[in-house]
Amino acid sequence: MSENEEKYQAYIAYQSHRSNRYALFSGFTFTVIAILLTQLPDVTQVQAQIALFVLTAMLWVFLHELSGAEAAIFNCVRTAPPLPEAWKSKATALLENVNWVLLGLSVIILYLLWNLFYLALASATVAGILFIHAYIILGKPLTQRDKQWVRK
């Protein structure tokens, strides 16, 4: 093991654990939202909508943290050889970003299916704030790093 690998080994292990933890929390939170939507007798009650909103905000935060942990591991891989350009096209990057967005938006779509318009609107507002934050903190720097790692 090289000296650089030794330096980063504990950090990468920590970030990997962090990714697993937030993936588990995200899945659990989404499952709870789906169960509550289908099992509550009246989801239009204020208490039910508050609970669903809190769970949705938690889901968005967990997904945001998950993407941050993924970006941190991506940032650790400094010694890897550059990737072939075909492996990291703009279409692939766009598809990755769309997948993150659709995963979180699926909850908002569920709320719209249950005619919970104001809950969907409040959830979309939280999502918008976290999207902007993720773009500023993660998106821009990773795009620049990506350009350095792809060989022409």
N, C-alpha and C. Protein backbone atom coordinates (compact mmCIF):
# COMPACT_ATOMS: atom_id res chain seq x y z
N MET A 1 0.85 -1.18 0.00
CA MET A 1 0.00 0.00 0.00
C MET A 1 0.89 1.23 0.00
N SER A 2 0.63 2.15 -0.91
CA SER A 2 1.43 3.36 -0.99
C SER A 2 1.10 4.29 0.17
N GLU A 3 1.96 5.26 0.35
CA GLU A 3 1.77 6.21 1.45
C GLU A 3 0.49 7.02 1.27
N ASN A 4 0.19 7.42 0.02
CA ASN A 4 -1.05 8.17 -0.24
C ASN A 4 -2.28 7.35 0.05
N GLU A 5 -2.26 6.05 -0.30
CA GLU A 5 -3.41 5.19 -0.02
C GLU A 5 -3.64 5.08 1.47
N GLU A 6 -2.54 4.98 2.23
CA GLU A 6 -2.67 4.89 3.68
C GLU A 6 -3.32 6.14 4.26
N LYS A 7 -2.96 7.30 3.72
CA LYS A 7 -3.52 8.56 4.22
C LYS A 7 -5.02 8.64 3.99
N TYR A 8 -5.47 8.14 2.84
CA TYR A 8 -6.87 8.28 2.48
C TYR A 8 -7.74 7.10 2.89
N GLN A 9 -7.16 6.00 3.31
CA GLN A 9 -7.91 4.78 3.57
C GLN A 9 -9.01 4.98 4.62
N ALA A 10 -8.67 5.58 5.75
CA ALA A 10 -9.65 5.79 6.81
C ALA A 10 -10.74 6.77 6.36
N TYR A 11 -10.35 7.79 5.63
CA TYR A 11 -11.31 8.78 5.16
C TYR A 11 -12.29 8.15 4.18
N ILE A 12 -11.79 7.37 3.25
CA ILE A 12 -12.65 6.71 2.27
C ILE A 12 -13.58 5.71 2.97
N ALA A 13 -13.06 4.99 3.96
CA ALA A 13 -13.90 4.06 4.72
C ALA A 13 -15.02 4.82 5.45
N TYR A 14 -14.68 5.96 6.03
CA TYR A 14 -15.69 6.77 6.72
C TYR A 14 -16.76 7.26 5.74
N GLN A 15 -16.34 7.78 4.59
CA GLN A 15 -17.30 8.29 3.61
C GLN A 15 -18.16 7.16 3.04
N SER A 16 -17.57 5.99 2.89
CA SER A 16 -18.35 4.84 2.42
C SER A 16 -19.41 4.46 3.44
N HIS A 17 -19.03 4.45 4.71
CA HIS A 17 -19.99 4.17 5.79
C HIS A 17 -21.09 5.24 5.80
N ARG A 18 -20.69 6.47 5.61
CA ARG A 18 -21.64 7.58 5.59
C ARG A 18 -22.64 7.40 4.44
N SER A 19 -22.14 7.00 3.26
CA SER A 19 -23.02 6.76 2.12
C SER A 19 -24.02 5.65 2.42
N ASN A 20 -23.54 4.58 3.00
CA ASN A 20 -24.43 3.47 3.34
C ASN A 20 -25.50 3.90 4.34
N ARG A 21 -25.09 4.68 5.32
CA ARG A 21 -26.02 5.14 6.35
C ARG A 21 -27.12 6.01 5.74
N TYR A 22 -26.74 6.98 4.90
CA TYR A 22 -27.75 7.86 4.32
C TYR A 22 -28.62 7.15 3.28
N ALA A 23 -28.07 6.16 2.61
CA ALA A 23 -28.89 5.36 1.68
C ALA A 23 -29.94 4.58 2.47
N LEU A 24 -29.54 4.01 3.60
CA LEU A 24 -30.48 3.28 4.46
C LEU A 24 -31.55 4.22 5.01
N PHE A 25 -31.14 5.39 5.50
CA PHE A 25 -32.10 6.36 6.03
C PHE A 25 -33.06 6.83 4.94
N SER A 26 -32.55 7.07 3.73
CA SER A 26 -33.41 7.51 2.63
C SER A 26 -34.45 6.46 2.29
N GLY A 27 -34.00 5.22 2.17
CA GLY A 27 -34.94 4.15 1.86
C GLY A 27 -35.99 3.96 2.93
N PHE A 28 -35.57 4.02 4.19
CA PHE A 28 -36.51 3.88 5.30
C PHE A 28 -37.53 5.02 5.29
N THR A 29 -37.06 6.23 5.09
CA THR A 29 -37.95 7.40 5.10
C THR A 29 -38.95 7.33 3.95
N PHE A 30 -38.49 6.96 2.76
CA PHE A 30 -39.41 6.83 1.63
C PHE A 30 -40.45 5.76 1.91
N THR A 31 -40.03 4.65 2.51
CA THR A 31 -40.97 3.57 2.83
C THR A 31 -42.02 4.03 3.83
N VAL A 32 -41.59 4.78 4.84
CA VAL A 32 -42.54 5.29 5.84
C VAL A 32 -43.55 6.23 5.19
N ILE A 33 -43.08 7.09 4.29
CA ILE A 33 -43.99 8.00 3.59
C ILE A 33 -45.03 7.20 2.80
N ALA A 34 -44.58 6.20 2.06
CA ALA A 34 -45.50 5.39 1.26
C ALA A 34 -46.50 4.64 2.14
N ILE A 35 -46.02 4.11 3.25
CA ILE A 35 -46.93 3.39 4.16
C ILE A 35 -47.95 4.33 4.77
N LEU A 36 -47.51 5.50 5.21
CA LEU A 36 -48.45 6.46 5.79
C LEU A 36 -49.49 6.91 4.77
N LEU A 37 -49.08 7.16 3.54
CA LEU A 37 -50.03 7.58 2.51
C LEU A 37 -51.10 6.53 2.27
N THR A 38 -50.70 5.28 2.30
CA THR A 38 -51.66 4.21 1.99
C THR A 38 -52.46 3.74 3.19
N GLN A 39 -51.95 3.91 4.40
CA GLN A 39 -52.59 3.34 5.58
C GLN A 39 -53.37 4.35 6.44
N LEU A 40 -53.03 5.62 6.33
CA LEU A 40 -53.78 6.60 7.14
C LEU A 40 -55.20 6.73 6.60
N PRO A 41 -56.17 6.80 7.50
CA PRO A 41 -57.56 6.89 7.04
C PRO A 41 -57.85 8.21 6.31
N ASP A 42 -57.24 9.31 6.75
CA ASP A 42 -57.48 10.60 6.12
C ASP A 42 -56.18 11.39 6.07
N VAL A 43 -55.52 11.37 4.92
CA VAL A 43 -54.23 12.07 4.79
C VAL A 43 -54.40 13.57 4.63
N THR A 44 -55.63 14.06 4.55
CA THR A 44 -55.85 15.49 4.43
C THR A 44 -55.86 16.20 5.78
N GLN A 45 -55.82 15.44 6.87
CA GLN A 45 -55.75 16.05 8.20
C GLN A 45 -54.44 16.81 8.35
N VAL A 46 -54.48 17.90 9.09
CA VAL A 46 -53.31 18.74 9.28
C VAL A 46 -52.17 17.95 9.93
N GLN A 47 -52.48 17.14 10.94
CA GLN A 47 -51.43 16.37 11.62
C GLN A 47 -50.73 15.41 10.65
N ALA A 48 -51.50 14.77 9.80
CA ALA A 48 -50.91 13.83 8.84
C ALA A 48 -50.03 14.56 7.84
N GLN A 49 -50.47 15.72 7.40
CA GLN A 49 -49.69 16.48 6.43
C GLN A 49 -48.41 17.05 7.05
N ILE A 50 -48.48 17.44 8.31
CA ILE A 50 -47.27 17.90 8.99
C ILE A 50 -46.26 16.76 9.10
N ALA A 51 -46.75 15.60 9.50
CA ALA A 51 -45.86 14.43 9.61
C ALA A 51 -45.26 14.08 8.25
N LEU A 52 -46.07 14.09 7.22
CA LEU A 52 -45.56 13.78 5.88
C LEU A 52 -44.56 14.83 5.40
N PHE A 53 -44.81 16.10 5.73
CA PHE A 53 -43.87 17.15 5.33
C PHE A 53 -42.52 16.98 6.04
N VAL A 54 -42.57 16.69 7.34
CA VAL A 54 -41.32 16.48 8.09
C VAL A 54 -40.55 15.29 7.51
N LEU A 55 -41.26 14.23 7.21
CA LEU A 55 -40.60 13.06 6.62
C LEU A 55 -40.02 13.38 5.24
N THR A 56 -40.74 14.18 4.46
CA THR A 56 -40.23 14.56 3.15
C THR A 56 -39.00 15.44 3.28
N ALA A 57 -39.02 16.38 4.20
CA ALA A 57 -37.84 17.22 4.43
C ALA A 57 -36.66 16.35 4.87
N MET A 58 -36.91 15.37 5.73
CA MET A 58 -35.84 14.45 6.13
C MET A 58 -35.31 13.69 4.92
N LEU A 59 -36.20 13.22 4.05
CA LEU A 59 -35.78 12.49 2.86
C LEU A 59 -34.87 13.35 1.99
N TRP A 60 -35.27 14.60 1.77
CA TRP A 60 -34.46 15.49 0.95
C TRP A 60 -33.09 15.73 1.58
N VAL A 61 -33.05 15.90 2.89
CA VAL A 61 -31.77 16.11 3.57
C VAL A 61 -30.90 14.85 3.46
N PHE A 62 -31.50 13.68 3.65
CA PHE A 62 -30.73 12.43 3.53
C PHE A 62 -30.19 12.26 2.11
N LEU A 63 -31.00 12.55 1.10
CA LEU A 63 -30.54 12.45 -0.28
C LEU A 63 -29.43 13.47 -0.57
N HIS A 64 -29.57 14.65 0.00
CA HIS A 64 -28.53 15.68 -0.15
C HIS A 64 -27.22 15.22 0.49
N GLU A 65 -27.32 14.67 1.68
CA GLU A 65 -26.12 14.17 2.37
C GLU A 65 -25.52 12.98 1.62
N LEU A 66 -26.38 12.15 1.06
CA LEU A 66 -25.89 11.00 0.29
C LEU A 66 -25.11 11.46 -0.94
N SER A 67 -25.62 12.44 -1.63
CA SER A 67 -24.88 12.94 -2.79
C SER A 67 -23.59 13.63 -2.36
N GLY A 68 -23.60 14.26 -1.19
CA GLY A 68 -22.38 14.88 -0.66
C GLY A 68 -21.33 13.84 -0.31
N ALA A 69 -21.76 12.74 0.28
CA ALA A 69 -20.81 11.66 0.61
C ALA A 69 -20.24 11.05 -0.65
N GLU A 70 -21.08 10.90 -1.65
CA GLU A 70 -20.61 10.37 -2.93
C GLU A 70 -19.60 11.32 -3.56
N ALA A 71 -19.86 12.61 -3.47
CA ALA A 71 -18.93 13.60 -4.02
C ALA A 71 -17.62 13.59 -3.25
N ALA A 72 -17.67 13.37 -1.94
CA ALA A 72 -16.45 13.33 -1.15
C ALA A 72 -15.57 12.15 -1.54
N ILE A 73 -16.18 11.00 -1.78
CA ILE A 73 -15.40 9.84 -2.23
C ILE A 73 -14.83 10.11 -3.62
N PHE A 74 -15.63 10.71 -4.47
CA PHE A 74 -15.18 11.07 -5.81
C PHE A 74 -13.97 12.00 -5.73
N ASN A 75 -13.99 12.91 -4.77
CA ASN A 75 -12.91 13.86 -4.59
C ASN A 75 -11.64 13.19 -4.07
N CYS A 76 -11.77 12.08 -3.38
CA CYS A 76 -10.61 11.36 -2.84
C CYS A 76 -9.81 10.64 -3.92
N VAL A 77 -10.44 10.34 -5.01
CA VAL A 77 -9.79 9.54 -6.05
C VAL A 77 -8.93 10.47 -6.90
N ARG A 78 -7.81 10.86 -6.37
CA ARG A 78 -6.93 11.79 -7.08
C ARG A 78 -5.86 11.09 -7.88
N THR A 79 -5.51 9.89 -7.49
CA THR A 79 -4.40 9.20 -8.14
C THR A 79 -4.84 8.26 -9.25
N ALA A 80 -6.13 8.17 -9.50
CA ALA A 80 -6.63 7.26 -10.54
C ALA A 80 -6.27 7.81 -11.92
N PRO A 81 -6.05 6.93 -12.88
CA PRO A 81 -5.79 7.41 -14.24
C PRO A 81 -7.04 8.05 -14.82
N PRO A 82 -6.87 8.97 -15.76
CA PRO A 82 -8.05 9.61 -16.37
C PRO A 82 -8.95 8.59 -17.05
N LEU A 83 -10.23 8.84 -17.01
CA LEU A 83 -11.21 7.97 -17.65
C LEU A 83 -11.27 8.27 -19.15
N PRO A 84 -11.59 7.27 -19.94
CA PRO A 84 -11.82 7.55 -21.36
C PRO A 84 -13.01 8.50 -21.51
N GLU A 85 -12.95 9.36 -22.49
CA GLU A 85 -14.00 10.37 -22.66
C GLU A 85 -15.37 9.74 -22.86
N ALA A 86 -15.42 8.60 -23.53
CA ALA A 86 -16.71 7.94 -23.79
C ALA A 86 -17.38 7.47 -22.50
N TRP A 87 -16.62 7.26 -21.44
CA TRP A 87 -17.18 6.78 -20.18
C TRP A 87 -17.87 7.88 -19.40
N LYS A 88 -17.52 9.08 -19.64
CA LYS A 88 -18.08 10.19 -18.86
C LYS A 88 -18.54 11.29 -19.80
N SER A 89 -19.60 11.01 -20.54
CA SER A 89 -20.13 11.99 -21.46
C SER A 89 -21.07 12.94 -20.73
N LYS A 90 -21.45 14.00 -21.41
CA LYS A 90 -22.42 14.93 -20.83
C LYS A 90 -23.77 14.26 -20.63
N ALA A 91 -24.10 13.34 -21.53
CA ALA A 91 -25.38 12.62 -21.41
C ALA A 91 -25.38 11.75 -20.16
N THR A 92 -24.26 11.11 -19.86
CA THR A 92 -24.18 10.28 -18.66
C THR A 92 -24.31 11.14 -17.41
N ALA A 93 -23.62 12.25 -17.39
CA ALA A 93 -23.70 13.16 -16.23
C ALA A 93 -25.12 13.69 -16.07
N LEU A 94 -25.76 14.04 -17.18
CA LEU A 94 -27.14 14.53 -17.12
C LEU A 94 -28.07 13.45 -16.59
N LEU A 95 -27.88 12.22 -17.05
CA LEU A 95 -28.72 11.11 -16.59
C LEU A 95 -28.54 10.88 -15.08
N GLU A 96 -27.30 10.96 -14.59
CA GLU A 96 -27.06 10.82 -13.15
C GLU A 96 -27.81 11.89 -12.36
N ASN A 97 -27.75 13.12 -12.83
CA ASN A 97 -28.43 14.22 -12.14
C ASN A 97 -29.94 14.06 -12.21
N VAL A 98 -30.45 13.65 -13.35
CA VAL A 98 -31.90 13.45 -13.49
C VAL A 98 -32.37 12.34 -12.55
N ASN A 99 -31.57 11.30 -12.42
CA ASN A 99 -31.95 10.21 -11.50
C ASN A 99 -32.06 10.70 -10.06
N TRP A 100 -31.12 11.52 -9.61
CA TRP A 100 -31.20 12.07 -8.25
C TRP A 100 -32.46 12.90 -8.08
N VAL A 101 -32.74 13.73 -9.07
CA VAL A 101 -33.91 14.60 -8.99
C VAL A 101 -35.20 13.78 -8.98
N LEU A 102 -35.31 12.80 -9.88
CA LEU A 102 -36.54 12.01 -9.95
C LEU A 102 -36.77 11.17 -8.70
N LEU A 103 -35.70 10.73 -8.08
CA LEU A 103 -35.85 9.97 -6.84
C LEU A 103 -36.56 10.80 -5.78
N GLY A 104 -36.13 12.01 -5.60
CA GLY A 104 -36.78 12.88 -4.62
C GLY A 104 -38.15 13.36 -5.07
N LEU A 105 -38.29 13.64 -6.36
CA LEU A 105 -39.57 14.14 -6.87
C LEU A 105 -40.67 13.08 -6.84
N SER A 106 -40.29 11.83 -6.73
CA SER A 106 -41.31 10.78 -6.70
C SER A 106 -42.25 10.96 -5.51
N VAL A 107 -41.73 11.48 -4.40
CA VAL A 107 -42.59 11.73 -3.24
C VAL A 107 -43.57 12.86 -3.55
N ILE A 108 -43.11 13.88 -4.22
CA ILE A 108 -44.00 14.99 -4.57
C ILE A 108 -45.08 14.49 -5.54
N ILE A 109 -44.71 13.62 -6.44
CA ILE A 109 -45.70 13.05 -7.36
C ILE A 109 -46.73 12.23 -6.59
N LEU A 110 -46.29 11.49 -5.59
CA LEU A 110 -47.23 10.75 -4.75
C LEU A 110 -48.22 11.69 -4.07
N TYR A 111 -47.74 12.81 -3.57
CA TYR A 111 -48.63 13.78 -2.92
C TYR A 111 -49.64 14.33 -3.92
N LEU A 112 -49.20 14.58 -5.13
CA LEU A 112 -50.14 15.08 -6.15
C LEU A 112 -51.18 14.02 -6.50
N LEU A 113 -50.78 12.75 -6.51
CA LEU A 113 -51.74 11.68 -6.78
C LEU A 113 -52.81 11.58 -5.69
N TRP A 114 -52.45 11.96 -4.46
CA TRP A 114 -53.40 11.92 -3.35
C TRP A 114 -54.08 13.28 -3.16
N ASN A 115 -53.94 14.17 -4.14
CA ASN A 115 -54.56 15.50 -4.09
C ASN A 115 -54.11 16.32 -2.89
N LEU A 116 -52.87 16.20 -2.53
CA LEU A 116 -52.28 16.99 -1.45
C LEU A 116 -51.42 18.09 -2.07
N PHE A 117 -52.07 19.04 -2.72
CA PHE A 117 -51.38 20.05 -3.50
C PHE A 117 -50.45 20.91 -2.65
N TYR A 118 -50.92 21.39 -1.51
CA TYR A 118 -50.10 22.29 -0.69
C TYR A 118 -48.90 21.56 -0.09
N LEU A 119 -49.09 20.31 0.26
CA LEU A 119 -47.97 19.50 0.76
C LEU A 119 -46.94 19.28 -0.35
N ALA A 120 -47.41 19.03 -1.56
CA ALA A 120 -46.50 18.87 -2.70
C ALA A 120 -45.75 20.18 -2.97
N LEU A 121 -46.43 21.29 -2.87
CA LEU A 121 -45.81 22.59 -3.09
C LEU A 121 -44.75 22.89 -2.02
N ALA A 122 -45.07 22.63 -0.76
CA ALA A 122 -44.10 22.85 0.32
C ALA A 122 -42.89 21.92 0.16
N SER A 123 -43.13 20.68 -0.23
CA SER A 123 -42.05 19.73 -0.43
C SER A 123 -41.18 20.14 -1.62
N ALA A 124 -41.80 20.65 -2.67
CA ALA A 124 -41.05 21.11 -3.83
C ALA A 124 -40.19 22.33 -3.49
N THR A 125 -40.67 23.17 -2.58
CA THR A 125 -39.89 24.32 -2.15
C THR A 125 -38.63 23.87 -1.42
N VAL A 126 -38.77 22.92 -0.51
CA VAL A 126 -37.61 22.36 0.19
C VAL A 126 -36.65 21.74 -0.82
N ALA A 127 -37.20 21.02 -1.78
CA ALA A 127 -36.37 20.40 -2.82
C ALA A 127 -35.61 21.45 -3.61
N GLY A 128 -36.28 22.52 -3.99
CA GLY A 128 -35.63 23.58 -4.76
C GLY A 128 -34.47 24.21 -4.01
N ILE A 129 -34.67 24.46 -2.73
CA ILE A 129 -33.59 25.04 -1.91
C ILE A 129 -32.40 24.09 -1.86
N LEU A 130 -32.66 22.80 -1.66
CA LEU A 130 -31.56 21.85 -1.58
C LEU A 130 -30.92 21.60 -2.94
N PHE A 131 -31.68 21.69 -4.04
CA PHE A 131 -31.10 21.58 -5.37
C PHE A 131 -30.10 22.70 -5.62
N ILE A 132 -30.52 23.91 -5.29
CA ILE A 132 -29.64 25.07 -5.49
C ILE A 132 -28.39 24.92 -4.64
N HIS A 133 -28.56 24.52 -3.40
CA HIS A 133 -27.42 24.33 -2.51
C HIS A 133 -26.49 23.25 -3.05
N ALA A 134 -27.05 22.14 -3.51
CA ALA A 134 -26.24 21.05 -4.04
C ALA A 134 -25.49 21.48 -5.30
N TYR A 135 -26.13 22.28 -6.13
CA TYR A 135 -25.46 22.73 -7.35
C TYR A 135 -24.27 23.63 -7.01
N ILE A 136 -24.47 24.54 -6.06
CA ILE A 136 -23.40 25.47 -5.70
C ILE A 136 -22.26 24.75 -4.99
N ILE A 137 -22.60 23.88 -4.04
CA ILE A 137 -21.59 23.22 -3.22
C ILE A 137 -20.96 22.01 -3.92
N LEU A 138 -21.76 21.23 -4.64
CA LEU A 138 -21.27 19.98 -5.23
C LEU A 138 -21.15 20.03 -6.75
N GLY A 139 -22.16 20.53 -7.41
CA GLY A 139 -22.22 20.45 -8.86
C GLY A 139 -21.11 21.18 -9.58
N LYS A 140 -20.93 22.44 -9.28
CA LYS A 140 -19.90 23.22 -9.96
C LYS A 140 -18.49 22.65 -9.72
N PRO A 141 -18.08 22.43 -8.47
CA PRO A 141 -16.73 21.90 -8.26
C PRO A 141 -16.50 20.53 -8.89
N LEU A 142 -17.50 19.65 -8.83
CA LEU A 142 -17.32 18.32 -9.40
C LEU A 142 -17.26 18.35 -10.92
N THR A 143 -17.97 19.28 -11.54
CA THR A 143 -17.89 19.42 -12.98
C THR A 143 -16.49 19.84 -13.40
N GLN A 144 -15.89 20.75 -12.65
CA GLN A 144 -14.52 21.18 -12.94
C GLN A 144 -13.54 20.03 -12.75
N ARG A 145 -13.70 19.27 -11.68
CA ARG A 145 -12.82 18.13 -11.40
C ARG A 145 -12.99 17.07 -12.49
N ASP A 146 -14.22 16.87 -12.91
CA ASP A 146 -14.52 15.89 -13.95
C ASP A 146 -13.78 16.21 -15.24
N LYS A 147 -13.73 17.49 -15.59
CA LYS A 147 -13.03 17.91 -16.81
C LYS A 147 -11.54 17.57 -16.74
N GLN A 148 -10.97 17.60 -15.55
CA GLN A 148 -9.55 17.29 -15.40
C GLN A 148 -9.28 15.81 -15.51
N TRP A 149 -10.23 14.97 -15.13
CA TRP A 149 -10.01 13.53 -15.06
C TRP A 149 -10.30 12.80 -16.36
N VAL A 150 -11.03 13.43 -17.25
CA VAL A 150 -11.38 12.75 -18.51
C VAL A 150 -10.28 13.07 -19.53
N ARG A 151 -9.67 12.02 -20.05
CA ARG A 151 -8.61 12.25 -21.05
C ARG A 151 -9.24 12.45 -22.42
N LYS A 152 -8.62 13.28 -23.17
CA LYS A 152 -9.11 13.61 -24.52
C LYS A 152 -8.49 12.69 -25.54
